[in-house]
Amino acid sequence: MSVAILIKLDDALNGAGVTKNALAREAKVRPNLIYEMCEGKTKRIDLETLSNILDTLNSMTGRQYTLTDVLEYMPQQKEDR
C-alpha cells in the first residue's frame, strides 16, 4: 500500500489572503519552494522549514495554523495484482 500526503498550503494561503511571494519573503525561503508546495510538486519537506512556514503564516495572519491546515494524510488503496 502506498501513502500520499496532500499539501494544502495553497488553500490556506488563499483563505488567508496571503500571496505565495509574500509568504516566501517573510519566511525567508525560496519562492520556488512555496510554489512547488502549492502545486503539489514537493517530494520532501524539511521539518524545520515547514515549522518556519507555519510560524510565519501564523504571524502574518494572526491565526493559528497547524499541520492539519497544510497537510493531509491520504492512504491509497492497495492495488490488486
Protein backbone atom coordinates (compact mmCIF):
# COMPACT_ATOMS: atom_id res chain seq x y z
CA MET A 1 0.00 0.00 0.00
CA SER A 2 1.40 3.40 -0.92
CA VAL A 3 0.79 6.58 1.03
CA ALA A 4 0.08 10.05 -0.25
CA ILE A 5 0.40 13.29 1.61
CA LEU A 6 -1.70 16.07 0.16
CA ILE A 7 -0.18 19.53 0.59
CA LYS A 8 -2.94 22.07 1.20
CA LEU A 9 -0.76 25.17 1.59
CA ASP A 10 -2.38 26.85 -1.42
CA ASP A 11 -5.83 26.55 0.20
CA ALA A 12 -4.51 28.03 3.45
CA LEU A 13 -2.87 30.94 1.62
CA ASN A 14 -6.00 31.66 -0.43
CA GLY A 15 -8.17 31.55 2.68
CA ALA A 16 -5.82 33.93 4.49
CA GLY A 17 -5.39 36.30 1.55
CA VAL A 18 -1.61 35.83 1.62
CA THR A 19 0.35 35.57 -1.63
CA LYS A 20 2.97 32.92 -2.24
CA ASN A 21 5.61 35.60 -2.78
CA ALA A 22 4.72 37.39 0.46
CA LEU A 23 4.99 34.15 2.44
CA ALA A 24 8.31 33.24 0.82
CA ARG A 25 9.73 36.70 1.50
CA GLU A 26 8.61 36.77 5.15
CA ALA A 27 9.65 33.17 5.82
CA LYS A 28 12.98 33.74 4.06
CA VAL A 29 12.60 30.67 1.88
CA ARG A 30 12.97 30.27 -1.88
CA PRO A 31 9.79 31.34 -3.70
CA ASN A 32 10.09 28.17 -5.79
CA LEU A 33 9.69 26.09 -2.63
CA ILE A 34 6.36 27.73 -1.84
CA TYR A 35 5.18 27.44 -5.46
CA GLU A 36 6.19 23.76 -5.60
CA MET A 37 4.37 23.05 -2.35
CA CYS A 38 1.24 24.82 -3.60
CA GLU A 39 1.33 22.90 -6.88
CA GLY A 40 1.84 19.54 -5.15
CA LYS A 41 5.26 19.02 -6.72
CA THR A 42 7.23 18.78 -3.47
CA LYS A 43 8.56 15.31 -2.68
CA ARG A 44 10.27 16.16 0.62
CA ILE A 45 9.73 18.85 3.20
CA ASP A 46 12.33 19.68 5.83
CA LEU A 47 10.53 19.79 9.18
CA GLU A 48 12.35 22.93 10.27
CA THR A 49 11.32 24.67 7.05
CA LEU A 50 7.71 23.53 7.46
CA SER A 51 7.69 24.82 11.03
CA ASN A 52 9.12 28.13 9.83
CA ILE A 53 6.43 28.41 7.14
CA LEU A 54 3.67 27.75 9.68
CA ASP A 55 5.14 30.20 12.21
CA THR A 56 5.40 32.86 9.51
CA LEU A 57 1.86 32.25 8.27
CA ASN A 58 0.58 32.49 11.84
CA SER A 59 2.48 35.74 12.37
CA MET A 60 1.25 37.26 9.11
CA THR A 61 -2.41 36.39 9.68
CA GLY A 62 -2.85 36.42 13.44
CA ARG A 63 -4.41 32.96 13.13
CA GLN A 64 -3.18 29.63 14.45
CA TYR A 65 -2.40 27.34 11.52
CA THR A 66 -1.32 23.79 12.31
CA LEU A 67 0.00 20.85 10.30
CA THR A 68 -3.53 19.68 9.53
CA ASP A 69 -4.23 23.00 7.83
CA VAL A 70 -1.43 22.47 5.32
CA LEU A 71 -1.00 18.67 5.14
CA GLU A 72 -3.46 15.80 4.79
CA TYR A 73 -2.67 12.10 5.08
CA MET A 74 -4.44 10.08 2.39
CA PRO A 75 -3.77 6.33 2.42
CA GLN A 76 -4.06 4.87 -1.05
CA GLN A 77 -5.90 1.67 -1.79
CA LYS A 78 -3.85 -1.48 -2.18
CA GLU A 79 -3.62 -2.44 -5.84
CA ASP A 80 -4.75 -5.91 -6.91
CA ARG A 81 -2.03 -7.82 -8.72
